[in-house]
Amino acid sequence: MRRFLSVFAIMLLAVSGFAAAACGGDDSEETAVGNGAAGTSNDFAEDNDRLNVATTVAPLTSILLQIGGNRIDINGLIPDGVNSHTYEPRPNDAIVLSRADIFIMNGAELEGTSEEIAKENLKDPSKIYKLADNTLSGDDEKTGFLYDFSFPKAEGKPNPHLWMNPKYALKYAELMTQWLSENDADNKAYYEQNLARFTTTINELDAAIRTDQASVPEANRKLLTYHDSWAYWAREYGWEVVGAIQPSDFAEPSAQEVVQIIEQLKTLKVPVIFGSEVFPSPVLEQISKETGAKFEDQLSDDAPPGEIDAPEHTYIGMVVEDMRIMFSSLGGNADNTTTIKVENGFAK
């Protein structure tokens, strides 16, 4: 067996594997499987004649489940709320990847060494698909990759958080549909049917966000976050990201950087500082006290809300909850966005 797998297999004796949990359909027109992301930690140990698809962070796993439904088995390698930028694959990841038919990742250098492990262990290393790299290209400020506070251009790594823009999430779903169909032609019509459902929901979500953001005073439509994951969302909806607290090396900001941030916030009169579920930081409360800005720590870019089998534990659920928190914190409301259906729904 390949080098990484042999090393990890030895380590695997000390850890427990994932329980197989295939996604099953029923006789209803629409199925909410596990009401969330339950069934997306399949270790592919059993041959069930389905396409085995490994992916990475929870939002991508959720979108993939919407498209693949009960015709594929899924393993989302990176657990909710884990720092995907520096993620080091666990021993069992090599085992899972050796059994996977394809590997769908975000790309744009998000997922640490996951691609390297996939190349070493995937049945066919040519079956590694990158979403971000097939959604954007170049550095055009209006249509290309963005470089910013946590992702400076000088370091050559673009901001990888495309999925926070629902329009790019839809492009991700379209790419997933294409790749699943190429590798499982018999179910092409099924995947396309699910894409049509997801497209409708994304378009409803996008329209609701555009309506609700108008309730936020224009002077408040600016974001200062701990981790810079909102660049593509802000570009889509015309907001301004005025800064990010976390340095590009994902460490805590220095004392000097904190002083500079406090001065900037006082000048810009930013009303709210938004934290990150992946990067809890003690400096945020300090900055909040010094500037008078409200500290809000519940925004999420990697971890859908609720437990893994909760109805709201989906990509759509995450965005809806983020909009509720963001708009209400900044003086508006998300009355339309919170009516969007967040549960999983795909063809039987």
Protein backbone atom coordinates (compact mmCIF):
# COMPACT_ATOMS: atom_id res chain seq x y z
CA MET A 1 0.00 0.00 0.00
CA ARG A 2 1.18 3.54 -0.59
CA ARG A 3 3.62 5.24 1.77
CA PHE A 4 1.24 7.51 3.71
CA LEU A 5 -1.31 4.75 4.14
CA SER A 6 1.22 2.33 5.57
CA VAL A 7 2.37 4.88 8.14
CA PHE A 8 -1.13 5.90 9.10
CA ALA A 9 -2.37 2.31 9.22
CA ILE A 10 0.03 1.58 12.05
CA MET A 11 -1.16 4.66 13.91
CA LEU A 12 -4.74 3.64 13.25
CA LEU A 13 -4.41 0.79 15.75
CA ALA A 14 -4.52 3.40 18.49
CA VAL A 15 -7.58 5.25 17.27
CA SER A 16 -11.15 4.38 16.48
CA GLY A 17 -12.51 4.56 12.96
CA PHE A 18 -15.64 6.16 11.69
CA ALA A 19 -18.93 4.29 11.86
CA ALA A 20 -20.41 3.58 8.45
CA ALA A 21 -23.65 5.45 7.97
CA ALA A 22 -25.00 5.36 4.46
CA CYS A 23 -27.61 7.86 3.33
CA GLY A 24 -30.86 6.07 2.57
CA GLY A 25 -33.93 7.25 0.71
CA ASP A 26 -37.61 6.69 1.34
CA ASP A 27 -40.82 6.88 -0.65
CA SER A 28 -41.44 10.59 -0.14
CA GLU A 29 -40.89 13.15 -2.88
CA GLU A 30 -38.29 14.93 -0.77
CA THR A 31 -36.08 13.47 1.93
CA ALA A 32 -34.35 15.19 4.84
CA VAL A 33 -31.57 12.74 5.57
CA GLY A 34 -30.67 12.88 9.24
CA ASN A 35 -32.14 16.39 9.10
CA GLY A 36 -28.59 17.67 8.76
CA ALA A 37 -25.20 16.18 7.88
CA ALA A 38 -25.71 12.78 9.49
CA GLY A 39 -24.43 10.10 7.14
CA THR A 40 -21.45 12.11 5.92
CA SER A 41 -18.77 10.23 7.87
CA ASN A 42 -18.97 7.00 5.93
CA ASP A 43 -15.63 5.18 5.98
CA PHE A 44 -16.41 3.40 2.67
CA ALA A 45 -15.56 0.02 4.25
CA GLU A 46 -18.56 -1.71 2.69
CA ASP A 47 -19.05 -2.08 -1.06
CA ASN A 48 -22.58 -0.84 -1.68
CA ASP A 49 -22.30 0.00 -5.40
CA ARG A 50 -22.35 3.75 -4.72
CA LEU A 51 -19.82 6.38 -5.66
CA ASN A 52 -17.57 7.02 -2.66
CA VAL A 53 -16.83 10.74 -2.41
CA ALA A 54 -14.42 12.30 0.08
CA THR A 55 -14.51 16.02 0.68
CA THR A 56 -13.20 18.44 3.31
CA VAL A 57 -14.91 21.24 5.27
CA ALA A 58 -18.51 21.05 6.52
CA PRO A 59 -20.07 23.62 4.12
CA LEU A 60 -18.73 21.69 1.12
CA THR A 61 -19.91 18.41 2.65
CA SER A 62 -23.38 19.88 3.10
CA ILE A 63 -23.60 21.11 -0.50
CA LEU A 64 -22.33 17.76 -1.76
CA LEU A 65 -25.04 15.95 0.21
CA GLN A 66 -27.67 18.16 -1.43
CA ILE A 67 -26.47 17.13 -4.89
CA GLY A 68 -25.45 13.52 -4.30
CA GLY A 69 -28.41 12.69 -2.09
CA ASN A 70 -28.81 8.96 -1.49
CA ARG A 71 -26.87 7.90 -4.59
CA ILE A 72 -23.40 8.51 -3.12
CA ASP A 73 -21.57 7.87 0.14
CA ILE A 74 -19.74 10.83 1.65
CA ASN A 75 -16.91 11.43 4.06
CA GLY A 76 -16.22 15.00 5.16
CA LEU A 77 -12.65 14.72 6.38
CA ILE A 78 -12.35 18.01 8.29
CA PRO A 79 -14.63 18.19 11.35
CA ASP A 80 -16.82 21.22 12.04
CA GLY A 81 -15.03 24.17 13.52
CA VAL A 82 -11.50 22.88 12.85
CA ASN A 83 -8.89 25.21 11.36
CA SER A 84 -8.84 23.97 7.77
CA HIS A 85 -5.90 26.20 6.84
CA THR A 86 -3.50 24.24 9.02
CA TYR A 87 -5.39 20.93 9.12
CA GLU A 88 -3.20 17.86 9.43
CA PRO A 89 -5.02 14.72 8.25
CA ARG A 90 -5.82 12.15 10.91
CA PRO A 91 -4.66 8.52 10.63
CA ASN A 92 -8.04 7.34 9.39
CA ASP A 93 -8.11 9.93 6.59
CA ALA A 94 -5.55 7.94 4.59
CA ILE A 95 -7.70 4.82 4.97
CA VAL A 96 -10.82 6.67 3.83
CA LEU A 97 -9.05 8.26 0.87
CA SER A 98 -7.67 4.87 -0.25
CA ARG A 99 -11.27 3.68 -0.57
CA ALA A 100 -12.67 6.87 -2.15
CA ASP A 101 -13.49 7.06 -5.85
CA ILE A 102 -13.08 10.83 -6.02
CA PHE A 103 -11.94 13.67 -3.76
CA ILE A 104 -13.65 17.07 -3.95
CA MET A 105 -11.82 19.84 -2.12
CA ASN A 106 -12.06 23.62 -1.98
CA GLY A 107 -8.57 24.33 -3.23
CA ALA A 108 -7.05 27.83 -3.22
CA GLU A 109 -4.63 26.34 -0.67
CA LEU A 110 -7.28 26.01 2.05
CA GLU A 111 -6.91 22.46 3.28
CA GLY A 112 -3.40 22.09 4.65
CA THR A 113 -1.76 18.84 3.53
CA SER A 114 -5.01 17.09 2.57
CA GLU A 115 -4.21 17.19 -1.15
CA GLU A 116 -0.81 15.60 -0.57
CA ILE A 117 -2.38 12.75 1.40
CA ALA A 118 -5.03 12.32 -1.31
CA LYS A 119 -2.38 12.06 -4.03
CA GLU A 120 -0.63 9.36 -2.02
CA ASN A 121 -3.72 7.29 -1.28
CA LEU A 122 -6.60 7.93 -3.68
CA LYS A 123 -7.35 5.04 -6.04
CA ASP A 124 -6.88 7.38 -8.99
CA PRO A 125 -4.93 10.56 -8.12
CA SER A 126 -6.36 12.25 -11.22
CA LYS A 127 -9.74 12.25 -9.47
CA ILE A 128 -8.89 15.22 -7.23
CA TYR A 129 -11.26 18.10 -8.01
CA LYS A 130 -10.81 21.69 -6.81
CA LEU A 131 -13.86 23.90 -6.48
CA ALA A 132 -12.37 27.36 -5.96
CA ASP A 133 -9.82 26.93 -8.73
CA ASN A 134 -12.62 26.10 -11.18
CA THR A 135 -14.83 28.97 -10.00
CA LEU A 136 -12.43 31.92 -10.14
CA SER A 137 -9.19 32.68 -11.91
CA GLY A 138 -6.87 35.65 -11.95
CA ASP A 139 -6.80 38.59 -9.58
CA ASP A 140 -9.44 40.91 -11.03
CA GLU A 141 -10.95 42.87 -8.14
CA LYS A 142 -14.50 42.35 -9.42
CA THR A 143 -14.40 38.75 -10.61
CA GLY A 144 -11.14 37.10 -9.55
CA PHE A 145 -9.54 35.86 -6.36
CA LEU A 146 -9.21 38.36 -3.54
CA TYR A 147 -6.20 39.11 -1.37
CA ASP A 148 -6.71 40.97 1.87
CA PHE A 149 -5.85 41.34 5.53
CA SER A 150 -5.53 37.67 6.49
CA PHE A 151 -4.49 36.69 2.97
CA PRO A 152 -2.04 39.32 1.65
CA LYS A 153 -1.07 39.12 -2.01
CA ALA A 154 2.60 39.28 -1.07
CA GLU A 155 2.29 35.78 0.37
CA GLY A 156 0.65 34.45 -2.78
CA LYS A 157 -2.29 32.66 -1.19
CA PRO A 158 -5.72 34.07 -2.09
CA ASN A 159 -8.66 34.25 0.27
CA PRO A 160 -10.21 30.78 -0.15
CA HIS A 161 -13.65 31.39 1.45
CA LEU A 162 -15.65 31.58 -1.78
CA TRP A 163 -18.57 29.56 -0.39
CA MET A 164 -19.66 32.40 1.89
CA ASN A 165 -21.00 34.05 -1.28
CA PRO A 166 -24.17 32.07 -2.11
CA LYS A 167 -23.61 32.65 -5.81
CA TYR A 168 -20.26 30.91 -5.60
CA ALA A 169 -21.82 28.15 -3.50
CA LEU A 170 -24.18 27.59 -6.43
CA LYS A 171 -21.21 27.38 -8.78
CA TYR A 172 -19.73 24.81 -6.39
CA ALA A 173 -22.94 22.79 -6.65
CA GLU A 174 -22.82 22.98 -10.45
CA LEU A 175 -19.24 21.71 -10.46
CA MET A 176 -20.15 18.91 -8.07
CA THR A 177 -23.03 17.92 -10.35
CA GLN A 178 -20.66 17.82 -13.31
CA TRP A 179 -18.02 15.73 -11.52
CA LEU A 180 -20.50 13.30 -9.98
CA SER A 181 -22.12 12.82 -13.39
CA GLU A 182 -18.76 12.20 -15.06
CA ASN A 183 -17.96 9.47 -12.56
CA ASP A 184 -21.47 8.05 -12.24
CA ALA A 185 -23.24 8.61 -15.53
CA ASP A 186 -26.17 6.36 -14.61
CA ASN A 187 -27.30 8.90 -12.00
CA LYS A 188 -26.67 12.06 -14.01
CA ALA A 189 -30.38 12.95 -14.23
CA TYR A 190 -30.74 12.49 -10.48
CA TYR A 191 -27.85 14.82 -9.71
CA GLU A 192 -29.21 17.41 -12.12
CA GLN A 193 -32.63 17.19 -10.47
CA ASN A 194 -31.05 17.89 -7.09
CA LEU A 195 -29.07 20.78 -8.56
CA ALA A 196 -32.31 22.32 -9.77
CA ARG A 197 -33.71 22.16 -6.22
CA PHE A 198 -30.57 23.67 -4.75
CA THR A 199 -30.53 26.41 -7.39
CA THR A 200 -34.06 27.44 -6.44
CA THR A 201 -33.14 27.64 -2.77
CA ILE A 202 -29.94 29.61 -3.41
CA ASN A 203 -31.79 32.09 -5.61
CA GLU A 204 -34.40 32.57 -2.88
CA LEU A 205 -31.65 33.03 -0.30
CA ASP A 206 -29.83 35.57 -2.46
CA ALA A 207 -33.01 37.58 -3.04
CA ALA A 208 -33.83 37.55 0.68
CA ILE A 209 -30.34 38.76 1.62
CA ARG A 210 -30.58 41.62 -0.86
CA THR A 211 -33.94 42.65 0.58
CA ASP A 212 -32.91 42.36 4.23
CA GLN A 213 -29.60 44.13 3.90
CA ALA A 214 -31.51 47.29 3.00
CA SER A 215 -32.73 47.35 6.61
CA VAL A 216 -29.15 47.86 7.82
CA PRO A 217 -28.19 51.55 7.94
CA GLU A 218 -25.80 52.25 5.09
CA ALA A 219 -23.17 53.60 7.49
CA ASN A 220 -23.15 50.23 9.27
CA ARG A 221 -22.57 48.10 6.17
CA LYS A 222 -18.95 47.46 6.96
CA LEU A 223 -17.35 44.45 8.54
CA LEU A 224 -14.44 43.99 10.87
CA THR A 225 -13.93 40.33 11.65
CA TYR A 226 -11.34 38.27 13.45
CA HIS A 227 -10.70 35.87 10.54
CA ASP A 228 -11.15 37.32 7.06
CA SER A 229 -13.77 34.96 5.62
CA TRP A 230 -16.31 37.49 4.32
CA ALA A 231 -14.48 39.06 1.40
CA TYR A 232 -16.49 37.36 -1.37
CA TRP A 233 -19.80 37.88 0.42
CA ALA A 234 -19.00 41.58 0.83
CA ARG A 235 -18.04 41.95 -2.82
CA GLU A 236 -21.31 40.34 -3.92
CA TYR A 237 -23.56 42.50 -1.74
CA GLY A 238 -21.65 45.78 -1.84
CA TRP A 239 -20.39 45.85 1.74
CA GLU A 240 -16.96 46.97 2.90
CA VAL A 241 -14.57 44.75 4.83
CA VAL A 242 -12.58 47.33 6.77
CA GLY A 243 -10.16 44.91 8.36
CA ALA A 244 -9.39 41.58 9.96
CA ILE A 245 -7.77 41.14 13.35
CA GLN A 246 -6.00 37.85 12.75
CA PRO A 247 -2.54 38.05 11.09
CA SER A 248 -1.80 36.03 7.97
CA ASP A 249 0.09 33.39 9.97
CA PHE A 250 -3.14 32.64 11.93
CA ALA A 251 -1.49 33.61 15.21
CA GLU A 252 -2.76 36.11 17.75
CA PRO A 253 -2.14 39.77 16.82
CA SER A 254 0.80 41.42 18.52
CA ALA A 255 0.33 44.16 21.12
CA GLN A 256 1.31 46.75 18.53
CA GLU A 257 -1.20 45.37 16.03
CA VAL A 258 -3.94 45.47 18.68
CA VAL A 259 -3.20 49.15 19.33
CA GLN A 260 -3.39 49.88 15.60
CA ILE A 261 -6.71 48.03 15.33
CA ILE A 262 -8.16 49.98 18.27
CA GLU A 263 -7.15 53.27 16.66
CA GLN A 264 -8.63 52.19 13.33
CA LEU A 265 -11.93 51.19 14.92
CA LYS A 266 -12.23 54.50 16.76
CA THR A 267 -11.62 56.37 13.49
CA LEU A 268 -14.05 54.27 11.42
CA LYS A 269 -16.65 54.04 14.21
CA VAL A 270 -17.29 50.38 13.49
CA PRO A 271 -20.29 49.35 15.64
CA VAL A 272 -19.63 45.59 15.88
CA ILE A 273 -16.61 43.28 15.91
CA PHE A 274 -17.39 39.79 14.63
CA GLY A 275 -15.45 36.82 15.96
CA SER A 276 -14.93 33.36 14.52
CA GLU A 277 -16.02 29.94 15.75
CA VAL A 278 -12.74 28.46 14.51
CA PHE A 279 -10.46 31.05 16.08
CA PRO A 280 -11.60 32.05 19.57
CA SER A 281 -9.47 34.99 20.68
CA PRO A 282 -9.11 36.75 24.04
CA VAL A 283 -8.10 40.01 22.38
CA LEU A 284 -11.55 40.62 20.92
CA GLU A 285 -13.15 41.51 24.23
CA GLN A 286 -10.22 43.80 25.00
CA ILE A 287 -10.66 45.59 21.68
CA SER A 288 -14.40 45.83 22.26
CA LYS A 289 -13.94 47.46 25.67
CA GLU A 290 -11.37 49.93 24.35
CA THR A 291 -13.47 51.02 21.36
CA GLY A 292 -17.03 50.66 22.58
CA ALA A 293 -17.83 48.36 19.65
CA LYS A 294 -20.11 45.43 20.40
CA PHE A 295 -18.42 42.02 20.35
CA GLU A 296 -20.36 39.30 18.52
CA ASP A 297 -18.72 35.87 18.51
CA GLN A 298 -21.33 33.67 16.83
CA LEU A 299 -20.72 34.22 13.11
CA SER A 300 -19.64 31.01 11.39
CA ASP A 301 -17.93 30.17 8.12
CA ASP A 302 -17.00 26.52 8.73
CA ALA A 303 -19.49 25.07 11.22
CA PRO A 304 -23.23 24.91 10.44
CA PRO A 305 -25.43 25.54 13.50
CA GLY A 306 -26.79 22.85 15.78
CA GLU A 307 -25.81 19.23 16.20
CA ILE A 308 -24.83 17.21 13.15
CA ASP A 309 -28.33 15.71 12.81
CA ALA A 310 -30.19 18.97 13.51
CA PRO A 311 -32.41 20.33 10.68
CA GLU A 312 -30.44 23.58 10.59
CA HIS A 313 -27.03 21.87 10.36
CA THR A 314 -26.62 22.66 6.66
CA TYR A 315 -24.83 25.17 4.46
CA ILE A 316 -28.09 27.08 3.97
CA GLY A 317 -28.74 26.96 7.71
CA MET A 318 -25.32 28.45 8.38
CA VAL A 319 -25.79 31.37 6.01
CA VAL A 320 -29.30 32.09 7.28
CA GLU A 321 -28.09 32.15 10.88
CA ASP A 322 -25.13 34.35 9.95
CA MET A 323 -27.44 36.85 8.26
CA ARG A 324 -29.72 36.91 11.29
CA ILE A 325 -26.80 37.65 13.59
CA MET A 326 -25.07 40.11 11.29
CA PHE A 327 -28.06 42.20 10.23
CA SER A 328 -29.62 42.39 13.69
CA SER A 329 -26.27 43.32 15.27
CA LEU A 330 -25.82 46.15 12.79
CA GLY A 331 -29.24 47.72 13.24
CA GLY A 332 -31.31 45.81 10.70
CA ASN A 333 -33.21 42.53 10.48
CA ALA A 334 -33.26 39.27 8.55
CA ASP A 335 -37.02 38.86 8.40
CA ASN A 336 -37.00 37.50 4.85
CA THR A 337 -33.83 35.45 5.08
CA THR A 338 -35.02 33.54 8.14
CA THR A 339 -38.02 32.23 6.16
CA ILE A 340 -35.75 30.28 3.80
CA LYS A 341 -36.00 26.51 4.22
CA VAL A 342 -32.71 25.29 5.71
CA GLU A 343 -33.29 21.52 5.94
CA ASN A 344 -31.69 19.04 3.56
CA GLY A 345 -33.91 18.22 0.64
CA PHE A 346 -33.15 16.05 -2.37
CA ALA A 347 -34.92 13.62 -4.70
CA LYS A 348 -35.74 10.16 -3.43
